[in-house]
Amino acid sequence: MPKVLVTRRQFEDQMDRLRSEAETVVLTRPAPAPPQELRQAARGASAILAHVTDQIDAAVMDAAGDSLKLIAEFVVGYDNVDTAAASQRNIAVANTPGVLAETTAEFAFALVQASARRLAESDRFVRRGEWKWFDPLGLLGIDIHGSTLGIVGMGRIGSAVATRALACGMRVIYYNRTRADDEHGAQRVGSLNELLAQSDFVTLHSPLTPETKGLIGARQLRTMRSHAALINTARGPIVDTAALTDALRSGEIAYAALDVTDPEPLPTDHPLLSMENVTLLPHMASATVGTRRKMTAMNVDDILAALRGEPPPNCVNADQIDWS
């Protein structure tokens, strides 16, 4: 039987689908496997079901050998996979497009609301026993309705966030390298700086590419309004972490809500962890039972197709693979 490597625990019913057609090796360790261990586990694999924290590079592919047909990425973004190296080796790469857009958009907009009303900060305030009386000027936030939301990256997720924001009475503007539909009533602006200067909340939904790495740095943060909040549910390296820390400390911006960071996770002594005007979450925007189950099922569908010698339904480099 062909071998399939699964780098994290997954839904057992979906693993049973794999086990019916392949020797399935599941790494149940709590943290990502170190490079040497990952390469060892990949030896002889026909497919790898990888997680975003696994660096699937040429060394891993070569360790698997000529048997490797597919790398199935558990999320939409596949920046942790060296797609060029995979294509050179005639290895297909697949992801999970579309299935998590609504769930991630719900989560991102929840962080907009949490930032506006300082929910995490207020929760810590109560837990510390500091709530002794009602202060009419304490822990004041800003209204969602009537505020401007700036969306960086108007793909499926950004568009779904726009729908929610407009329904709550927000003005929505967006910046995209290519023009996106304005059907929801969102307005396209001509530059990132224009978006940053106008927005009360900025939410990031761009993929991580060489062009977007460090997209939000010191200069961009200085362009934002002093009462503004930055929300990141995309990828940590899109934001310069040191610059963001300085901007929050100095009051250049008021708040940040981060589901992703750079590095990830942050070291336990990182200054962001002790700042009241920051909400930090463990990369969980797609973490619902329904969505994660669908993601696993899509990965398994792709793997089973590849094992049968068929093009995977969600292949991102299909035009570079010889399927004969």
Protein backbone atom coordinates (compact mmCIF):
# COMPACT_ATOMS: atom_id res chain seq x y z
CA MET A 1 0.00 0.00 0.00
CA PRO A 2 1.16 3.57 -0.61
CA LYS A 3 2.19 5.60 2.42
CA VAL A 4 0.53 8.87 3.49
CA LEU A 5 2.12 11.13 6.13
CA VAL A 6 -0.24 13.31 8.19
CA THR A 7 1.69 15.84 10.26
CA ARG A 8 -1.03 16.58 12.88
CA ARG A 9 -3.90 14.73 14.47
CA GLN A 10 -7.05 14.91 12.36
CA PHE A 11 -10.68 13.77 12.40
CA GLU A 12 -10.68 9.99 12.75
CA ASP A 13 -13.46 9.37 10.25
CA GLN A 14 -11.38 11.12 7.59
CA MET A 15 -8.25 9.22 8.60
CA ASP A 16 -10.24 6.01 8.21
CA ARG A 17 -10.88 7.01 4.59
CA LEU A 18 -7.13 7.22 4.09
CA ARG A 19 -6.40 4.01 5.97
CA SER A 20 -8.71 2.11 3.65
CA GLU A 21 -6.38 2.88 0.73
CA ALA A 22 -2.99 3.71 2.24
CA GLU A 23 -0.63 3.11 5.12
CA THR A 24 -1.38 6.24 7.11
CA VAL A 25 1.21 7.64 9.52
CA VAL A 26 -0.13 10.39 11.81
CA LEU A 27 2.29 12.48 13.87
CA THR A 28 0.48 13.17 17.12
CA ARG A 29 3.23 15.27 18.72
CA PRO A 30 1.89 18.62 20.12
CA ALA A 31 4.45 20.80 18.34
CA PRO A 32 5.68 20.80 14.73
CA ALA A 33 8.18 18.08 14.00
CA PRO A 34 11.80 19.32 13.77
CA PRO A 35 13.20 19.25 10.22
CA GLN A 36 15.15 16.02 10.68
CA GLU A 37 12.17 14.22 12.20
CA LEU A 38 9.88 15.50 9.43
CA ARG A 39 12.27 14.31 6.74
CA GLN A 40 12.54 10.90 8.40
CA ALA A 41 8.76 10.56 8.66
CA ALA A 42 8.35 11.55 5.00
CA ARG A 43 10.55 8.74 3.66
CA GLY A 44 8.66 6.74 1.07
CA ALA A 45 5.47 8.80 1.33
CA SER A 46 3.22 9.12 -1.70
CA ALA A 47 1.37 12.06 -0.14
CA ILE A 48 1.84 14.46 2.76
CA LEU A 49 -1.03 16.18 4.56
CA ALA A 50 0.81 19.20 5.95
CA HIS A 51 0.01 21.95 8.41
CA VAL A 52 0.86 25.62 8.01
CA THR A 53 3.63 25.33 10.62
CA ASP A 54 5.42 22.58 8.67
CA GLN A 55 8.15 23.79 6.33
CA ILE A 56 7.78 21.50 3.34
CA ASP A 57 10.94 22.31 1.42
CA ALA A 58 13.04 20.53 -1.19
CA ALA A 59 14.81 18.51 1.52
CA VAL A 60 11.52 17.04 2.73
CA MET A 61 10.46 16.27 -0.84
CA ASP A 62 13.77 14.60 -1.61
CA ALA A 63 13.55 12.60 1.61
CA ALA A 64 10.18 11.26 0.45
CA GLY A 65 11.72 10.31 -2.88
CA ASP A 66 10.19 9.60 -6.26
CA SER A 67 7.04 8.17 -4.67
CA LEU A 68 5.79 11.60 -3.55
CA LYS A 69 2.84 12.69 -5.71
CA LEU A 70 1.03 15.30 -3.59
CA ILE A 71 1.47 17.78 -0.77
CA ALA A 72 -1.97 18.64 0.63
CA GLU A 73 -1.93 21.86 2.67
CA PHE A 74 -4.51 21.97 5.48
CA VAL A 75 -5.31 25.67 4.96
CA VAL A 76 -5.77 28.12 2.08
CA GLY A 77 -2.35 29.74 2.30
CA TYR A 78 0.52 27.48 1.23
CA ASP A 79 3.50 29.78 1.73
CA ASN A 80 5.11 27.10 3.92
CA VAL A 81 5.40 24.82 0.87
CA ASP A 82 8.15 25.40 -1.69
CA THR A 83 5.76 25.20 -4.63
CA ALA A 84 8.49 25.87 -7.18
CA ALA A 85 10.54 22.95 -5.86
CA ALA A 86 7.43 20.76 -5.92
CA SER A 87 6.66 21.66 -9.52
CA GLN A 88 10.24 20.92 -10.54
CA ARG A 89 9.83 17.45 -9.07
CA ASN A 90 6.38 16.93 -10.64
CA ILE A 91 4.72 17.00 -7.21
CA ALA A 92 1.22 18.45 -7.03
CA VAL A 93 0.34 20.93 -4.26
CA ALA A 94 -3.26 21.31 -3.07
CA ASN A 95 -4.98 23.56 -0.54
CA THR A 96 -8.49 24.16 0.87
CA PRO A 97 -9.94 27.16 -1.00
CA GLY A 98 -13.36 28.65 -0.29
CA VAL A 99 -14.38 26.37 2.56
CA LEU A 100 -13.09 28.59 5.36
CA ALA A 101 -13.92 32.04 3.96
CA GLU A 102 -17.13 32.64 5.89
CA THR A 103 -15.78 31.21 9.15
CA THR A 104 -12.61 33.30 8.97
CA ALA A 105 -14.60 36.41 8.04
CA GLU A 106 -16.84 35.92 11.09
CA PHE A 107 -13.75 35.66 13.27
CA ALA A 108 -12.06 38.71 11.73
CA PHE A 109 -15.14 40.83 12.22
CA ALA A 110 -15.41 39.59 15.79
CA LEU A 111 -11.90 40.98 16.32
CA VAL A 112 -12.98 44.31 14.84
CA GLN A 113 -15.77 44.41 17.43
CA ALA A 114 -13.47 43.25 20.23
CA SER A 115 -11.00 45.99 19.34
CA ALA A 116 -13.70 48.64 19.21
CA ARG A 117 -15.02 47.81 22.67
CA ARG A 118 -11.73 46.68 24.28
CA LEU A 119 -13.23 43.32 25.26
CA ALA A 120 -10.04 41.41 26.07
CA GLU A 121 -8.66 44.33 28.08
CA SER A 122 -11.95 44.64 29.98
CA ASP A 123 -12.00 40.91 30.71
CA ARG A 124 -8.51 41.15 32.23
CA PHE A 125 -9.60 44.22 34.21
CA VAL A 126 -12.43 42.26 35.85
CA ARG A 127 -10.32 39.14 36.46
CA ARG A 128 -7.69 41.22 38.26
CA GLY A 129 -10.36 42.43 40.68
CA GLU A 130 -10.01 46.05 39.58
CA TRP A 131 -13.72 46.57 38.87
CA LYS A 132 -14.89 48.17 42.11
CA TRP A 133 -17.30 50.83 40.87
CA PHE A 134 -18.85 52.24 37.72
CA ASP A 135 -16.62 54.80 35.99
CA PRO A 136 -18.48 56.63 33.22
CA LEU A 137 -15.18 57.44 31.49
CA GLY A 138 -13.49 54.10 32.05
CA LEU A 139 -12.55 51.67 29.26
CA LEU A 140 -14.21 53.75 26.58
CA GLY A 141 -14.24 52.28 23.09
CA ILE A 142 -15.42 53.60 19.75
CA ASP A 143 -18.60 52.91 17.82
CA ILE A 144 -18.64 50.39 15.01
CA HIS A 145 -21.51 52.03 13.15
CA GLY A 146 -20.36 55.11 11.28
CA SER A 147 -16.70 54.07 11.47
CA THR A 148 -14.51 53.22 8.47
CA LEU A 149 -13.18 49.72 7.96
CA GLY A 150 -10.19 49.34 5.65
CA ILE A 151 -9.74 45.89 4.09
CA VAL A 152 -6.33 44.97 2.69
CA GLY A 153 -6.91 42.11 0.26
CA MET A 154 -10.42 41.82 -1.18
CA GLY A 155 -10.59 38.12 -1.94
CA ARG A 156 -13.19 35.68 -0.65
CA ILE A 157 -12.49 36.42 3.01
CA GLY A 158 -12.16 40.18 2.58
CA SER A 159 -15.41 40.28 0.64
CA ALA A 160 -17.21 38.31 3.35
CA VAL A 161 -15.86 40.72 6.00
CA ALA A 162 -17.14 43.65 3.92
CA THR A 163 -20.65 42.16 3.87
CA ARG A 164 -20.72 41.98 7.66
CA ALA A 165 -19.27 45.44 8.16
CA LEU A 166 -21.71 47.11 5.77
CA ALA A 167 -24.62 45.39 7.53
CA CYS A 168 -23.43 47.02 10.77
CA GLY A 169 -23.45 50.50 9.25
CA MET A 170 -19.74 50.84 8.58
CA ARG A 171 -18.16 52.60 5.65
CA VAL A 172 -15.94 50.02 3.94
CA ILE A 173 -12.93 50.80 1.79
CA TYR A 174 -10.42 48.35 0.38
CA TYR A 175 -7.04 48.15 -1.28
CA ASN A 176 -6.29 45.34 -3.71
CA ARG A 177 -3.50 44.91 -6.23
CA THR A 178 -6.18 43.98 -8.75
CA ARG A 179 -9.65 45.42 -8.93
CA ALA A 180 -12.29 43.48 -7.01
CA ASP A 181 -16.04 43.68 -7.42
CA ASP A 182 -17.71 46.60 -5.65
CA GLU A 183 -21.04 44.78 -5.50
CA HIS A 184 -21.28 45.02 -1.71
CA GLY A 185 -20.89 48.78 -1.63
CA ALA A 186 -17.23 48.78 -0.59
CA GLN A 187 -15.12 51.50 -2.18
CA ARG A 188 -11.74 50.83 -3.72
CA VAL A 189 -8.94 53.26 -2.87
CA GLY A 190 -5.90 53.89 -4.98
CA SER A 191 -3.14 53.10 -2.50
CA LEU A 192 -2.42 51.37 0.77
CA ASN A 193 -1.45 54.68 2.37
CA GLU A 194 -4.81 56.16 1.41
CA LEU A 195 -6.59 53.26 3.07
CA LEU A 196 -4.48 53.48 6.22
CA ALA A 197 -5.03 57.24 6.56
CA GLN A 198 -8.82 56.95 6.29
CA SER A 199 -9.54 53.83 8.36
CA ASP A 200 -10.60 53.47 11.97
CA PHE A 201 -10.01 49.73 11.69
CA VAL A 202 -7.63 47.99 9.28
CA THR A 203 -8.04 44.26 8.68
CA LEU A 204 -5.51 42.23 6.70
CA HIS A 205 -6.56 39.48 4.28
CA SER A 206 -3.67 39.26 1.82
CA PRO A 207 -1.70 36.08 1.16
CA LEU A 208 1.90 36.00 2.32
CA THR A 209 4.13 36.55 -0.71
CA PRO A 210 7.51 38.25 -1.20
CA GLU A 211 5.54 41.40 -2.07
CA THR A 212 3.38 41.36 1.07
CA LYS A 213 6.04 40.35 3.59
CA GLY A 214 6.52 43.38 5.87
CA LEU A 215 3.70 45.20 4.07
CA ILE A 216 2.73 46.90 7.33
CA GLY A 217 5.89 48.45 8.76
CA ALA A 218 6.87 51.57 10.69
CA ARG A 219 6.03 54.00 7.88
CA GLN A 220 2.61 52.45 7.29
CA LEU A 221 1.79 52.43 11.01
CA ARG A 222 2.64 56.12 11.24
CA THR A 223 0.11 56.72 8.48
CA MET A 224 -2.72 55.20 10.52
CA ARG A 225 -4.96 57.22 12.81
CA SER A 226 -3.93 57.35 16.46
CA HIS A 227 -7.25 55.80 17.57
CA ALA A 228 -7.12 53.06 14.91
CA ALA A 229 -6.91 49.31 15.40
CA LEU A 230 -5.00 46.78 13.28
CA ILE A 231 -6.51 43.30 12.87
CA ASN A 232 -4.47 40.46 11.37
CA THR A 233 -5.99 37.05 10.64
CA ALA A 234 -3.88 36.47 7.50
CA ARG A 235 -0.19 35.74 8.12
CA GLY A 236 2.13 37.10 10.80
CA PRO A 237 5.03 38.22 8.56
CA ILE A 238 2.75 40.64 6.68
CA VAL A 239 3.29 42.89 9.72
CA ASP A 240 6.67 44.03 11.04
CA THR A 241 6.31 42.85 14.65
CA ALA A 242 8.95 45.18 16.09
CA ALA A 243 7.42 48.19 14.34
CA LEU A 244 3.94 47.23 15.56
CA THR A 245 5.20 46.86 19.12
CA ASP A 246 6.74 50.35 18.98
CA ALA A 247 3.60 51.86 17.45
CA LEU A 248 1.37 50.39 20.17
CA ARG A 249 3.75 51.43 22.92
CA SER A 250 4.07 55.01 21.65
CA GLY A 251 0.38 55.50 20.89
CA GLU A 252 0.82 55.81 17.11
CA ILE A 253 -2.09 53.38 16.90
CA ALA A 254 -4.50 52.44 19.67
CA TYR A 255 -5.01 48.71 19.38
CA ALA A 256 -4.06 45.47 17.67
CA ALA A 257 -5.92 42.16 17.49
CA LEU A 258 -3.66 39.41 16.18
CA ASP A 259 -4.62 35.84 15.37
CA VAL A 260 -1.23 35.42 13.67
CA THR A 261 2.19 36.73 14.64
CA ASP A 262 5.80 36.71 13.54
CA PRO A 263 7.29 34.59 15.01
CA GLU A 264 4.51 32.18 15.83
CA PRO A 265 4.05 31.58 18.66
CA LEU A 266 5.64 34.63 20.25
CA PRO A 267 8.38 34.03 22.85
CA THR A 268 6.94 34.09 26.36
CA ASP A 269 8.91 37.26 27.20
CA HIS A 270 7.78 39.21 24.12
CA PRO A 271 6.54 42.71 25.05
CA LEU A 272 3.28 42.29 23.11
CA LEU A 273 2.21 39.68 25.66
CA SER A 274 2.21 42.23 28.46
CA MET A 275 0.50 45.09 26.62
CA GLU A 276 -3.10 45.89 27.50
CA ASN A 277 -3.96 47.28 24.07
CA VAL A 278 -3.32 43.97 22.30
CA THR A 279 -5.53 40.92 21.82
CA LEU A 280 -3.51 37.80 20.97
CA LEU A 281 -5.05 34.56 19.76
CA PRO A 282 -3.57 31.17 18.73
CA HIS A 283 -4.10 31.15 14.92
CA MET A 284 -7.68 29.94 15.25
CA ALA A 285 -9.71 31.90 12.69
CA SER A 286 -10.92 28.73 10.96
CA ALA A 287 -11.32 26.75 14.19
CA THR A 288 -14.90 25.50 14.10
CA VAL A 289 -15.85 21.84 14.01
CA GLY A 290 -17.72 22.18 10.72
CA THR A 291 -15.05 24.12 8.86
CA ARG A 292 -12.07 22.12 10.06
CA ARG A 293 -13.87 18.87 9.22
CA LYS A 294 -14.54 20.15 5.68
CA MET A 295 -10.89 21.17 5.34
CA THR A 296 -9.70 17.70 6.31
CA ALA A 297 -12.20 16.10 3.93
CA MET A 298 -10.91 18.27 1.06
CA ASN A 299 -7.34 17.22 1.83
CA VAL A 300 -8.34 13.55 1.88
CA ASP A 301 -10.24 13.94 -1.41
CA ASP A 302 -7.10 15.39 -2.99
CA ILE A 303 -4.86 12.66 -1.59
CA LEU A 304 -7.11 9.82 -2.73
CA ALA A 305 -7.31 11.34 -6.21
CA ALA A 306 -3.52 11.60 -6.40
CA LEU A 307 -3.09 7.99 -5.24
CA ARG A 308 -5.38 6.95 -8.09
CA GLY A 309 -3.24 8.91 -10.53
CA GLU A 310 -5.89 11.59 -11.03
CA PRO A 311 -5.45 15.40 -10.77
CA PRO A 312 -6.41 16.53 -7.24
CA PRO A 313 -9.53 18.75 -7.28
CA ASN A 314 -7.80 21.61 -5.43
CA CYS A 315 -4.37 21.59 -7.06
CA VAL A 316 -2.64 25.01 -7.13
CA ASN A 317 0.12 24.08 -9.59
CA ALA A 318 -1.89 21.89 -11.97
CA ASP A 319 -0.55 23.62 -15.09
CA GLN A 320 3.01 22.61 -14.13
CA ILE A 321 2.39 18.92 -13.46
CA ASP A 322 2.66 16.12 -16.00
CA TRP A 323 -0.38 13.94 -15.29
CA SER A 324 0.47 11.29 -17.91
